[in-house]
């Protein structure tokens, strides 16, 4: 959304135009839920997004346009999700403890953190291949759920939402170096899952 489009939409929102609110929800609901999911998981994501929309309605008149509308909405969502996460937290994060990283190492990643060599892709459309893809998807979802909250948050925001590392820092209120470490460890675990599945056909 361009700055001009944002300004027009905001003007309509401040006038209380219902269609403008519908456009706002249609445009940003998916990204907001992805941020909430990254922080609190699927169980509480919808609740966090609902909290965020309530905060948006309450604070819309105070939006000073120092950032883009999307950044403002995602920041509110992240804050709402973190508040709900603190309320529901039941586990201790252990990201700062050393541990095994699976079967892949640093040589798989470029200096900017991207994969140098992606996993092999399945192009066959046979029932067996389709089943394999579904099984792999389930394996990856299981791996995603097994990550710590912060690792999953950083990975989802970077890989699924395409946010820049600096944006992730601001949303999660953690340092850039911490974001890099969390992303690296999460990617290692995903790579280990992919390699194991390619070798064995199992999670």
N, C-alpha and C. Protein backbone atom coordinates (compact mmCIF):
# COMPACT_ATOMS: atom_id res chain seq x y z
N UNK A 1 0.84 -1.19 0.00
CA UNK A 1 0.00 0.00 0.00
C UNK A 1 0.88 1.25 0.00
N UNK A 2 0.64 2.14 -0.96
CA UNK A 2 1.44 3.35 -1.06
C UNK A 2 1.06 4.33 0.05
N UNK A 3 1.91 5.34 0.23
CA UNK A 3 1.62 6.34 1.25
C UNK A 3 0.31 7.07 0.98
N UNK A 4 0.03 7.34 -0.29
CA UNK A 4 -1.21 8.03 -0.65
C UNK A 4 -2.41 7.15 -0.36
N UNK A 5 -2.32 5.88 -0.70
CA UNK A 5 -3.42 4.95 -0.42
C UNK A 5 -3.64 4.82 1.08
N UNK A 6 -2.55 4.75 1.83
CA UNK A 6 -2.65 4.66 3.29
C UNK A 6 -3.34 5.89 3.86
N UNK A 7 -2.97 7.05 3.36
CA UNK A 7 -3.57 8.29 3.87
C UNK A 7 -5.06 8.33 3.59
N UNK A 8 -5.46 7.90 2.39
CA UNK A 8 -6.89 7.90 2.04
C UNK A 8 -7.65 6.91 2.91
N UNK A 9 -7.06 5.72 3.11
CA UNK A 9 -7.72 4.71 3.93
C UNK A 9 -7.86 5.20 5.36
N UNK A 10 -6.81 5.81 5.88
CA UNK A 10 -6.86 6.31 7.25
C UNK A 10 -7.93 7.37 7.41
N UNK A 11 -8.05 8.24 6.42
CA UNK A 11 -9.07 9.29 6.45
C UNK A 11 -10.47 8.68 6.52
N UNK A 12 -10.68 7.66 5.73
CA UNK A 12 -11.97 6.97 5.73
C UNK A 12 -12.22 6.26 7.06
N UNK A 13 -11.16 5.66 7.61
CA UNK A 13 -11.29 4.98 8.89
C UNK A 13 -11.68 5.95 10.00
N UNK A 14 -11.06 7.12 10.00
CA UNK A 14 -11.35 8.10 11.04
C UNK A 14 -12.76 8.65 10.92
N UNK A 15 -13.33 8.57 9.72
CA UNK A 15 -14.72 9.00 9.52
C UNK A 15 -15.70 7.90 9.94
N UNK A 16 -15.14 6.73 10.29
CA UNK A 16 -16.00 5.63 10.72
C UNK A 16 -16.64 4.84 9.60
N UNK A 17 -16.06 4.90 8.42
CA UNK A 17 -16.62 4.19 7.27
C UNK A 17 -16.41 2.69 7.43
N UNK A 18 -17.49 1.96 7.45
CA UNK A 18 -17.43 0.52 7.69
C UNK A 18 -16.68 -0.23 6.58
N UNK A 19 -16.86 0.21 5.34
CA UNK A 19 -16.17 -0.45 4.23
C UNK A 19 -14.66 -0.30 4.38
N UNK A 20 -14.22 0.82 4.93
CA UNK A 20 -12.79 1.03 5.14
C UNK A 20 -12.24 0.05 6.17
N UNK A 21 -13.01 -0.20 7.22
CA UNK A 21 -12.58 -1.18 8.23
C UNK A 21 -12.53 -2.58 7.63
N UNK A 22 -13.50 -2.87 6.75
CA UNK A 22 -13.49 -4.18 6.09
C UNK A 22 -12.23 -4.32 5.23
N UNK A 23 -11.87 -3.26 4.50
CA UNK A 23 -10.68 -3.29 3.67
C UNK A 23 -9.42 -3.46 4.53
N UNK A 24 -9.42 -2.79 5.67
CA UNK A 24 -8.27 -2.89 6.58
C UNK A 24 -8.10 -4.33 7.06
N UNK A 25 -9.19 -4.94 7.47
CA UNK A 25 -9.15 -6.32 7.95
C UNK A 25 -8.74 -7.27 6.82
N UNK A 26 -9.35 -7.11 5.66
CA UNK A 26 -9.04 -7.99 4.52
C UNK A 26 -7.56 -7.90 4.13
N UNK A 27 -7.00 -6.70 4.24
CA UNK A 27 -5.63 -6.48 3.80
C UNK A 27 -4.60 -7.02 4.80
N UNK A 28 -4.88 -6.86 6.09
CA UNK A 28 -3.84 -7.12 7.09
C UNK A 28 -4.14 -8.26 8.06
N UNK A 29 -5.33 -8.83 8.01
CA UNK A 29 -5.67 -9.89 8.94
C UNK A 29 -4.70 -11.06 8.85
N UNK A 30 -4.33 -11.46 7.63
CA UNK A 30 -3.44 -12.60 7.46
C UNK A 30 -2.07 -12.37 8.07
N UNK A 31 -1.51 -11.20 7.81
CA UNK A 31 -0.19 -10.88 8.36
C UNK A 31 -0.25 -10.77 9.88
N UNK A 32 -1.31 -10.20 10.40
CA UNK A 32 -1.46 -10.07 11.85
C UNK A 32 -1.57 -11.44 12.51
N UNK A 33 -2.31 -12.33 11.88
CA UNK A 33 -2.44 -13.67 12.47
C UNK A 33 -1.11 -14.42 12.41
N UNK A 34 -0.36 -14.19 11.35
CA UNK A 34 0.95 -14.85 11.24
C UNK A 34 1.88 -14.38 12.35
N UNK A 35 1.86 -13.09 12.64
CA UNK A 35 2.68 -12.56 13.74
C UNK A 35 2.23 -13.16 15.07
N UNK A 36 0.92 -13.19 15.29
CA UNK A 36 0.40 -13.75 16.53
C UNK A 36 0.74 -15.23 16.65
N UNK A 37 0.59 -15.96 15.55
CA UNK A 37 0.92 -17.39 15.54
C UNK A 37 2.39 -17.61 15.88
N UNK A 38 3.24 -16.74 15.32
CA UNK A 38 4.67 -16.88 15.56
C UNK A 38 5.02 -16.72 17.03
N UNK A 39 4.24 -15.94 17.75
CA UNK A 39 4.55 -15.65 19.14
C UNK A 39 3.83 -16.59 20.11
N UNK A 40 2.55 -16.84 19.88
CA UNK A 40 1.78 -17.63 20.85
C UNK A 40 1.32 -18.99 20.33
N UNK A 41 1.56 -19.28 19.04
CA UNK A 41 1.11 -20.55 18.50
C UNK A 41 -0.34 -20.50 18.06
N UNK A 42 -0.78 -21.56 17.42
CA UNK A 42 -2.12 -21.58 16.82
C UNK A 42 -3.23 -21.53 17.86
N UNK A 43 -2.97 -22.05 19.04
CA UNK A 43 -4.03 -22.15 20.05
C UNK A 43 -4.55 -20.78 20.49
N UNK A 44 -3.65 -19.79 20.59
CA UNK A 44 -4.05 -18.48 21.10
C UNK A 44 -3.90 -17.37 20.07
N UNK A 45 -3.57 -17.72 18.83
CA UNK A 45 -3.33 -16.70 17.81
C UNK A 45 -4.57 -15.86 17.54
N UNK A 46 -5.71 -16.51 17.37
CA UNK A 46 -6.94 -15.76 17.07
C UNK A 46 -7.32 -14.83 18.21
N UNK A 47 -7.11 -15.27 19.44
CA UNK A 47 -7.42 -14.42 20.58
C UNK A 47 -6.51 -13.19 20.60
N UNK A 48 -5.22 -13.41 20.29
CA UNK A 48 -4.28 -12.29 20.27
C UNK A 48 -4.64 -11.29 19.17
N UNK A 49 -5.05 -11.80 18.01
CA UNK A 49 -5.45 -10.91 16.92
C UNK A 49 -6.70 -10.12 17.31
N UNK A 50 -7.63 -10.77 17.97
CA UNK A 50 -8.82 -10.06 18.43
C UNK A 50 -8.44 -8.95 19.41
N UNK A 51 -7.52 -9.26 20.33
CA UNK A 51 -7.03 -8.24 21.25
C UNK A 51 -6.40 -7.07 20.48
N UNK A 52 -5.66 -7.42 19.43
CA UNK A 52 -4.97 -6.40 18.64
C UNK A 52 -5.98 -5.49 17.93
N UNK A 53 -7.02 -6.07 17.34
CA UNK A 53 -8.01 -5.24 16.65
C UNK A 53 -8.72 -4.31 17.62
N UNK A 54 -8.99 -4.77 18.80
CA UNK A 54 -9.61 -3.90 19.81
C UNK A 54 -8.69 -2.72 20.13
N UNK A 55 -7.39 -3.02 20.24
CA UNK A 55 -6.42 -1.96 20.52
C UNK A 55 -6.33 -0.99 19.33
N UNK A 56 -6.43 -1.52 18.12
CA UNK A 56 -6.39 -0.66 16.93
C UNK A 56 -7.55 0.31 16.93
N UNK A 57 -8.75 -0.20 17.20
CA UNK A 57 -9.94 0.66 17.22
C UNK A 57 -9.81 1.74 18.29
N UNK A 58 -9.27 1.35 19.45
CA UNK A 58 -9.15 2.32 20.55
C UNK A 58 -8.10 3.40 20.25
N UNK A 59 -7.07 3.04 19.50
CA UNK A 59 -5.93 3.94 19.32
C UNK A 59 -5.80 4.52 17.92
N UNK A 60 -6.77 4.29 17.07
CA UNK A 60 -6.67 4.73 15.68
C UNK A 60 -6.48 6.24 15.57
N UNK A 61 -7.19 6.99 16.38
CA UNK A 61 -7.07 8.45 16.31
C UNK A 61 -5.69 8.93 16.72
N UNK A 62 -4.96 8.12 17.48
CA UNK A 62 -3.63 8.51 17.92
C UNK A 62 -2.52 8.07 16.99
N UNK A 63 -2.87 7.40 15.88
CA UNK A 63 -1.85 6.96 14.93
C UNK A 63 -1.28 8.17 14.21
N UNK A 64 0.00 8.43 14.39
CA UNK A 64 0.64 9.63 13.87
C UNK A 64 1.36 9.41 12.54
N UNK A 65 1.28 8.23 11.98
CA UNK A 65 1.85 7.90 10.68
C UNK A 65 3.38 8.06 10.65
N UNK A 66 4.01 7.87 11.78
CA UNK A 66 5.48 7.87 11.79
C UNK A 66 6.03 6.61 11.16
N UNK A 67 5.22 5.56 11.14
CA UNK A 67 5.57 4.31 10.46
C UNK A 67 4.44 3.99 9.50
N UNK A 68 4.62 2.94 8.71
CA UNK A 68 3.54 2.53 7.82
C UNK A 68 2.40 1.94 8.64
N UNK A 69 1.23 1.93 8.05
CA UNK A 69 0.07 1.36 8.73
C UNK A 69 0.30 -0.11 9.05
N UNK A 70 0.94 -0.83 8.13
CA UNK A 70 1.21 -2.25 8.35
C UNK A 70 2.14 -2.44 9.55
N UNK A 71 3.20 -1.65 9.62
CA UNK A 71 4.13 -1.77 10.74
C UNK A 71 3.43 -1.47 12.05
N UNK A 72 2.58 -0.46 12.06
CA UNK A 72 1.83 -0.10 13.26
C UNK A 72 0.92 -1.25 13.70
N UNK A 73 0.21 -1.85 12.74
CA UNK A 73 -0.70 -2.95 13.05
C UNK A 73 0.06 -4.17 13.57
N UNK A 74 1.18 -4.48 12.93
CA UNK A 74 1.95 -5.65 13.35
C UNK A 74 2.60 -5.44 14.72
N UNK A 75 2.97 -4.21 15.01
CA UNK A 75 3.53 -3.91 16.33
C UNK A 75 2.48 -4.08 17.41
N UNK A 76 1.28 -3.60 17.15
CA UNK A 76 0.18 -3.78 18.10
C UNK A 76 -0.12 -5.26 18.28
N UNK A 77 -0.11 -6.01 17.17
CA UNK A 77 -0.38 -7.44 17.24
C UNK A 77 0.69 -8.16 18.05
N UNK A 78 1.95 -7.81 17.81
CA UNK A 78 3.05 -8.43 18.55
C UNK A 78 2.92 -8.14 20.04
N UNK A 79 2.58 -6.92 20.40
CA UNK A 79 2.42 -6.57 21.81
C UNK A 79 1.26 -7.33 22.45
N UNK A 80 0.16 -7.43 21.71
CA UNK A 80 -1.00 -8.18 22.21
C UNK A 80 -0.66 -9.65 22.39
N UNK A 81 0.07 -10.21 21.42
CA UNK A 81 0.45 -11.62 21.50
C UNK A 81 1.41 -11.87 22.64
N UNK A 82 2.37 -10.96 22.83
CA UNK A 82 3.33 -11.14 23.92
C UNK A 82 2.64 -11.05 25.28
N UNK A 83 1.65 -10.17 25.39
CA UNK A 83 0.89 -10.07 26.64
C UNK A 83 0.14 -11.37 26.91
N UNK A 84 -0.49 -11.90 25.86
CA UNK A 84 -1.23 -13.15 26.03
C UNK A 84 -0.28 -14.32 26.28
N UNK A 85 0.90 -14.28 25.66
CA UNK A 85 1.88 -15.34 25.87
C UNK A 85 2.34 -15.37 27.32
N UNK A 86 2.58 -14.20 27.88
CA UNK A 86 3.00 -14.13 29.29
C UNK A 86 1.91 -14.70 30.20
N UNK A 87 0.66 -14.48 29.83
CA UNK A 87 -0.45 -14.98 30.63
C UNK A 87 -0.56 -16.50 30.55
N UNK A 88 -0.17 -17.04 29.40
CA UNK A 88 -0.35 -18.49 29.18
C UNK A 88 0.95 -19.28 29.23
N UNK A 89 2.03 -18.62 29.54
CA UNK A 89 3.34 -19.28 29.46
C UNK A 89 3.42 -20.44 30.44
N UNK A 90 3.93 -21.57 29.94
CA UNK A 90 4.04 -22.76 30.78
C UNK A 90 5.39 -23.44 30.63
N UNK A 91 6.30 -22.81 29.91
CA UNK A 91 7.58 -23.46 29.68
C UNK A 91 8.72 -22.45 29.74
N UNK A 92 9.92 -22.93 29.98
CA UNK A 92 11.11 -22.11 30.04
C UNK A 92 11.84 -22.21 28.71
N UNK A 93 12.24 -21.06 28.17
CA UNK A 93 12.97 -21.06 26.91
C UNK A 93 14.42 -21.39 27.16
N UNK A 94 15.01 -22.24 26.34
CA UNK A 94 16.38 -22.71 26.55
C UNK A 94 17.28 -22.39 25.37
N UNK A 95 16.97 -21.33 24.63
CA UNK A 95 17.74 -21.01 23.43
C UNK A 95 19.18 -20.69 23.72
N UNK A 96 19.48 -20.20 24.92
CA UNK A 96 20.85 -19.80 25.19
C UNK A 96 21.71 -20.95 25.68
N UNK A 97 21.15 -22.16 25.75
CA UNK A 97 21.93 -23.31 26.17
C UNK A 97 22.51 -24.01 24.95
N UNK A 98 23.76 -24.49 25.04
CA UNK A 98 24.35 -25.20 23.90
C UNK A 98 23.70 -26.55 23.71
N UNK A 99 23.73 -27.04 22.50
CA UNK A 99 23.15 -28.35 22.25
C UNK A 99 23.39 -28.78 20.83
N UNK A 100 23.05 -30.03 20.49
CA UNK A 100 23.27 -30.53 19.13
C UNK A 100 22.36 -29.83 18.14
N UNK A 101 22.83 -29.68 16.93
CA UNK A 101 22.06 -29.00 15.90
C UNK A 101 21.60 -29.94 14.80
N UNK A 102 21.73 -31.21 14.97
CA UNK A 102 21.30 -32.12 13.92
C UNK A 102 22.46 -32.49 13.01
N UNK A 103 22.16 -32.84 11.76
CA UNK A 103 23.17 -33.37 10.87
C UNK A 103 23.74 -32.35 9.91
N UNK A 104 23.30 -31.09 10.00
CA UNK A 104 23.79 -30.08 9.07
C UNK A 104 24.57 -29.03 9.82
N UNK A 105 25.46 -28.34 9.10
CA UNK A 105 26.32 -27.38 9.77
C UNK A 105 26.30 -26.03 9.10
N UNK A 106 27.22 -25.17 9.54
CA UNK A 106 27.26 -23.80 9.07
C UNK A 106 27.53 -23.70 7.58
N UNK A 107 28.15 -24.72 6.99
CA UNK A 107 28.51 -24.63 5.58
C UNK A 107 27.28 -24.57 4.68
N UNK A 108 26.11 -24.88 5.22
CA UNK A 108 24.88 -24.84 4.42
C UNK A 108 24.33 -23.42 4.26
N UNK A 109 24.89 -22.44 4.98
CA UNK A 109 24.31 -21.11 4.98
C UNK A 109 25.29 -20.06 4.49
N UNK A 110 24.80 -19.08 3.76
CA UNK A 110 25.61 -17.95 3.32
C UNK A 110 25.77 -16.97 4.48
N UNK A 111 26.61 -15.97 4.27
CA UNK A 111 26.87 -15.00 5.34
C UNK A 111 25.64 -14.19 5.69
N UNK A 112 24.69 -14.07 4.74
CA UNK A 112 23.47 -13.32 5.02
C UNK A 112 22.39 -14.17 5.67
N UNK A 113 22.72 -15.44 5.97
CA UNK A 113 21.77 -16.31 6.66
C UNK A 113 20.90 -17.14 5.75
N UNK A 114 20.95 -16.93 4.43
CA UNK A 114 20.13 -17.71 3.51
C UNK A 114 20.77 -19.06 3.23
N UNK A 115 19.92 -20.02 2.84
CA UNK A 115 20.44 -21.34 2.49
C UNK A 115 21.26 -21.24 1.21
N UNK A 116 22.42 -21.89 1.20
CA UNK A 116 23.21 -21.97 -0.02
C UNK A 116 22.63 -23.00 -0.98
N UNK A 117 22.19 -24.12 -0.42
CA UNK A 117 21.62 -25.20 -1.22
C UNK A 117 20.32 -25.64 -0.58
N UNK A 118 19.22 -25.41 -1.27
CA UNK A 118 17.93 -25.81 -0.75
C UNK A 118 17.72 -27.31 -0.83
N UNK A 119 16.71 -27.82 -0.15
CA UNK A 119 16.43 -29.25 -0.20
C UNK A 119 15.92 -29.67 -1.56
N UNK A 120 16.06 -30.93 -1.85
CA UNK A 120 15.55 -31.46 -3.11
C UNK A 120 14.04 -31.30 -3.17
N UNK A 121 13.54 -31.03 -4.35
CA UNK A 121 12.09 -30.83 -4.51
C UNK A 121 11.47 -32.05 -5.18
N UNK A 122 10.22 -32.31 -4.86
CA UNK A 122 9.48 -33.39 -5.49
C UNK A 122 8.66 -32.80 -6.63
N UNK A 123 8.82 -33.34 -7.85
CA UNK A 123 8.08 -32.80 -8.97
C UNK A 123 7.07 -33.83 -9.51
N UNK A 124 7.15 -35.06 -9.05
CA UNK A 124 6.24 -36.08 -9.54
C UNK A 124 4.84 -35.83 -8.99
N UNK A 125 3.85 -36.21 -9.78
CA UNK A 125 2.46 -36.05 -9.36
C UNK A 125 1.79 -37.39 -9.12
N UNK A 126 2.57 -38.43 -8.90
CA UNK A 126 2.00 -39.73 -8.62
C UNK A 126 1.40 -39.73 -7.23
N UNK A 127 0.48 -40.67 -6.95
CA UNK A 127 -0.07 -40.76 -5.60
C UNK A 127 1.00 -40.92 -4.53
N UNK A 128 2.04 -41.71 -4.86
CA UNK A 128 3.12 -41.91 -3.89
C UNK A 128 3.84 -40.60 -3.60
N UNK A 129 4.07 -39.82 -4.66
CA UNK A 129 4.77 -38.54 -4.48
C UNK A 129 3.90 -37.56 -3.70
N UNK A 130 2.60 -37.55 -4.00
CA UNK A 130 1.69 -36.66 -3.28
C UNK A 130 1.63 -37.03 -1.80
N UNK A 131 1.63 -38.33 -1.53
CA UNK A 131 1.63 -38.79 -0.15
C UNK A 131 2.92 -38.36 0.55
N UNK A 132 4.03 -38.46 -0.17
CA UNK A 132 5.30 -38.05 0.40
C UNK A 132 5.30 -36.57 0.76
N UNK A 133 4.72 -35.76 -0.12
CA UNK A 133 4.66 -34.33 0.14
C UNK A 133 3.82 -34.05 1.39
N UNK A 134 2.71 -34.77 1.51
CA UNK A 134 1.85 -34.57 2.68
C UNK A 134 2.56 -35.01 3.95
N UNK A 135 3.25 -36.12 3.88
CA UNK A 135 4.00 -36.60 5.05
C UNK A 135 5.11 -35.63 5.42
N UNK A 136 5.77 -35.07 4.40
CA UNK A 136 6.84 -34.09 4.67
C UNK A 136 6.26 -32.85 5.31
N UNK A 137 5.11 -32.41 4.82
CA UNK A 137 4.47 -31.23 5.42
C UNK A 137 4.17 -31.47 6.89
N UNK A 138 3.68 -32.66 7.21
CA UNK A 138 3.38 -32.99 8.60
C UNK A 138 4.65 -33.02 9.43
N UNK A 139 5.73 -33.55 8.84
CA UNK A 139 7.01 -33.58 9.55
C UNK A 139 7.50 -32.17 9.85
N UNK A 140 7.39 -31.28 8.86
CA UNK A 140 7.85 -29.91 9.04
C UNK A 140 7.00 -29.17 10.07
N UNK A 141 5.69 -29.43 10.05
CA UNK A 141 4.82 -28.80 11.04
C UNK A 141 5.18 -29.29 12.44
N UNK A 142 5.48 -30.58 12.54
CA UNK A 142 5.88 -31.14 13.83
C UNK A 142 7.18 -30.50 14.31
N UNK A 143 8.12 -30.33 13.39
CA UNK A 143 9.38 -29.68 13.75
C UNK A 143 9.14 -28.25 14.17
N UNK A 144 8.28 -27.55 13.46
CA UNK A 144 7.97 -26.16 13.79
C UNK A 144 7.40 -26.06 15.20
N UNK A 145 6.50 -26.97 15.53
CA UNK A 145 5.89 -26.95 16.86
C UNK A 145 6.88 -27.34 17.95
N UNK A 146 7.93 -28.09 17.58
CA UNK A 146 8.90 -28.53 18.57
C UNK A 146 9.93 -27.44 18.89
N UNK A 147 9.98 -26.39 18.06
CA UNK A 147 10.91 -25.29 18.32
C UNK A 147 10.47 -24.50 19.55
N UNK A 148 11.42 -23.84 20.15
CA UNK A 148 11.06 -22.94 21.25
C UNK A 148 10.21 -21.80 20.69
N UNK A 149 9.51 -21.10 21.54
CA UNK A 149 8.64 -20.02 21.10
C UNK A 149 9.40 -18.98 20.29
N UNK A 150 10.57 -18.59 20.78
CA UNK A 150 11.33 -17.55 20.08
C UNK A 150 11.87 -18.04 18.74
N UNK A 151 12.36 -19.28 18.70
CA UNK A 151 12.84 -19.82 17.44
C UNK A 151 11.71 -19.86 16.42
N UNK A 152 10.56 -20.37 16.82
CA UNK A 152 9.41 -20.45 15.90
C UNK A 152 8.98 -19.05 15.47
N UNK A 153 8.97 -18.11 16.40
CA UNK A 153 8.56 -16.74 16.07
C UNK A 153 9.45 -16.16 14.99
N UNK A 154 10.76 -16.26 15.19
CA UNK A 154 11.70 -15.67 14.24
C UNK A 154 11.60 -16.37 12.89
N UNK A 155 11.51 -17.69 12.88
CA UNK A 155 11.46 -18.44 11.63
C UNK A 155 10.20 -18.10 10.84
N UNK A 156 9.06 -18.08 11.49
CA UNK A 156 7.80 -17.80 10.80
C UNK A 156 7.77 -16.37 10.27
N UNK A 157 8.23 -15.43 11.08
CA UNK A 157 8.22 -14.03 10.63
C UNK A 157 9.16 -13.81 9.46
N UNK A 158 10.29 -14.52 9.45
CA UNK A 158 11.26 -14.35 8.37
C UNK A 158 10.86 -15.12 7.12
N UNK A 159 10.56 -16.42 7.28
CA UNK A 159 10.35 -17.29 6.12
C UNK A 159 8.93 -17.21 5.56
N UNK A 160 7.93 -17.09 6.43
CA UNK A 160 6.56 -17.07 5.95
C UNK A 160 6.05 -15.66 5.67
N UNK A 161 6.50 -14.69 6.46
CA UNK A 161 6.03 -13.33 6.27
C UNK A 161 7.04 -12.44 5.54
N UNK A 162 8.28 -12.92 5.42
CA UNK A 162 9.28 -12.17 4.67
C UNK A 162 9.73 -10.88 5.33
N UNK A 163 9.59 -10.79 6.65
CA UNK A 163 10.01 -9.58 7.34
C UNK A 163 11.53 -9.49 7.40
N UNK A 164 12.04 -8.28 7.38
CA UNK A 164 13.46 -8.07 7.53
C UNK A 164 13.87 -8.33 8.98
N UNK A 165 15.15 -8.65 9.18
CA UNK A 165 15.61 -8.99 10.52
C UNK A 165 15.41 -7.82 11.49
N UNK A 166 15.61 -6.61 11.00
CA UNK A 166 15.42 -5.44 11.87
C UNK A 166 13.97 -5.32 12.30
N UNK A 167 13.03 -5.62 11.40
CA UNK A 167 11.62 -5.58 11.76
C UNK A 167 11.30 -6.62 12.83
N UNK A 168 11.89 -7.79 12.68
CA UNK A 168 11.67 -8.85 13.67
C UNK A 168 12.22 -8.42 15.03
N UNK A 169 13.37 -7.78 15.02
CA UNK A 169 13.95 -7.25 16.26
C UNK A 169 12.96 -6.34 16.97
N UNK A 170 12.35 -5.44 16.22
CA UNK A 170 11.42 -4.49 16.80
C UNK A 170 10.15 -5.15 17.31
N UNK A 171 9.64 -6.11 16.54
CA UNK A 171 8.40 -6.78 16.94
C UNK A 171 8.59 -7.63 18.19
N UNK A 172 9.70 -8.34 18.27
CA UNK A 172 9.93 -9.26 19.38
C UNK A 172 10.75 -8.63 20.50
N UNK A 173 11.27 -7.43 20.25
CA UNK A 173 12.06 -6.70 21.24
C UNK A 173 13.28 -7.51 21.69
N UNK A 174 14.02 -8.00 20.71
CA UNK A 174 15.26 -8.71 20.99
C UNK A 174 16.33 -8.16 20.05
N UNK A 175 17.59 -8.42 20.38
CA UNK A 175 18.70 -7.85 19.62
C UNK A 175 18.85 -8.53 18.26
N UNK A 176 19.53 -7.83 17.35
CA UNK A 176 19.77 -8.39 16.02
C UNK A 176 20.61 -9.66 16.10
N UNK A 177 21.61 -9.66 16.97
CA UNK A 177 22.44 -10.86 17.11
C UNK A 177 21.63 -12.04 17.62
N UNK A 178 20.71 -11.78 18.51
CA UNK A 178 19.84 -12.85 19.03
C UNK A 178 18.93 -13.39 17.93
N UNK A 179 18.39 -12.48 17.12
CA UNK A 179 17.54 -12.90 16.01
C UNK A 179 18.32 -13.80 15.05
N UNK A 180 19.55 -13.43 14.75
CA UNK A 180 20.37 -14.23 13.83
C UNK A 180 20.62 -15.63 14.39
N UNK A 181 20.92 -15.70 15.70
CA UNK A 181 21.18 -17.00 16.32
C UNK A 181 19.91 -17.86 16.31
N UNK A 182 18.78 -17.26 16.69
CA UNK A 182 17.52 -18.00 16.73
C UNK A 182 17.13 -18.50 15.35
N UNK A 183 17.28 -17.65 14.33
CA UNK A 183 16.94 -18.05 12.97
C UNK A 183 17.86 -19.16 12.49
N UNK A 184 19.13 -19.05 12.79
CA UNK A 184 20.11 -20.06 12.38
C UNK A 184 19.77 -21.42 13.00
N UNK A 185 19.50 -21.43 14.29
CA UNK A 185 19.20 -22.70 14.97
C UNK A 185 17.90 -23.31 14.46
N UNK A 186 16.89 -22.46 14.21
CA UNK A 186 15.62 -22.97 13.70
C UNK A 186 15.81 -23.58 12.31
N UNK A 187 16.58 -22.90 11.45
CA UNK A 187 16.83 -23.43 10.11
C UNK A 187 17.60 -24.74 10.15
N UNK A 188 18.54 -24.85 11.07
CA UNK A 188 19.28 -26.11 11.21
C UNK A 188 18.34 -27.27 11.51
N UNK A 189 17.39 -27.03 12.40
CA UNK A 189 16.46 -28.10 12.78
C UNK A 189 15.54 -28.46 11.61
N UNK A 190 15.13 -27.45 10.85
CA UNK A 190 14.30 -27.72 9.67
C UNK A 190 15.10 -28.51 8.65
N UNK A 191 16.36 -28.12 8.43
CA UNK A 191 17.22 -28.86 7.50
C UNK A 191 17.41 -30.30 7.95
N UNK A 192 17.61 -30.50 9.25
CA UNK A 192 17.79 -31.86 9.75
C UNK A 192 16.55 -32.71 9.48
N UNK A 193 15.37 -32.11 9.64
CA UNK A 193 14.12 -32.83 9.34
C UNK A 193 14.05 -33.19 7.87
N UNK A 194 14.39 -32.25 6.99
CA UNK A 194 14.34 -32.50 5.55
C UNK A 194 15.31 -33.61 5.15
N UNK A 195 16.52 -33.55 5.67
CA UNK A 195 17.52 -34.57 5.31
C UNK A 195 17.10 -35.94 5.81
N UNK A 196 16.58 -35.99 7.03
CA UNK A 196 16.17 -37.28 7.58
C UNK A 196 15.01 -37.85 6.77
N UNK A 197 14.08 -36.99 6.36
CA UNK A 197 12.94 -37.47 5.58
C UNK A 197 13.39 -37.97 4.21
N UNK A 198 14.33 -37.25 3.58
CA UNK A 198 14.82 -37.67 2.27
C UNK A 198 15.54 -39.01 2.35
N UNK A 199 16.20 -39.25 3.47
CA UNK A 199 16.96 -40.49 3.64
C UNK A 199 16.09 -41.67 4.03
N UNK A 200 15.08 -41.42 4.87
CA UNK A 200 14.30 -42.50 5.45
C UNK A 200 12.83 -42.50 5.06
N UNK A 201 12.32 -41.35 4.60
CA UNK A 201 10.89 -41.26 4.31
C UNK A 201 10.07 -41.12 5.56
N UNK A 202 10.72 -40.84 6.68
CA UNK A 202 10.02 -40.71 7.96
C UNK A 202 10.48 -39.44 8.68
N UNK A 203 9.69 -39.02 9.66
CA UNK A 203 10.04 -37.84 10.44
C UNK A 203 11.23 -38.17 11.35
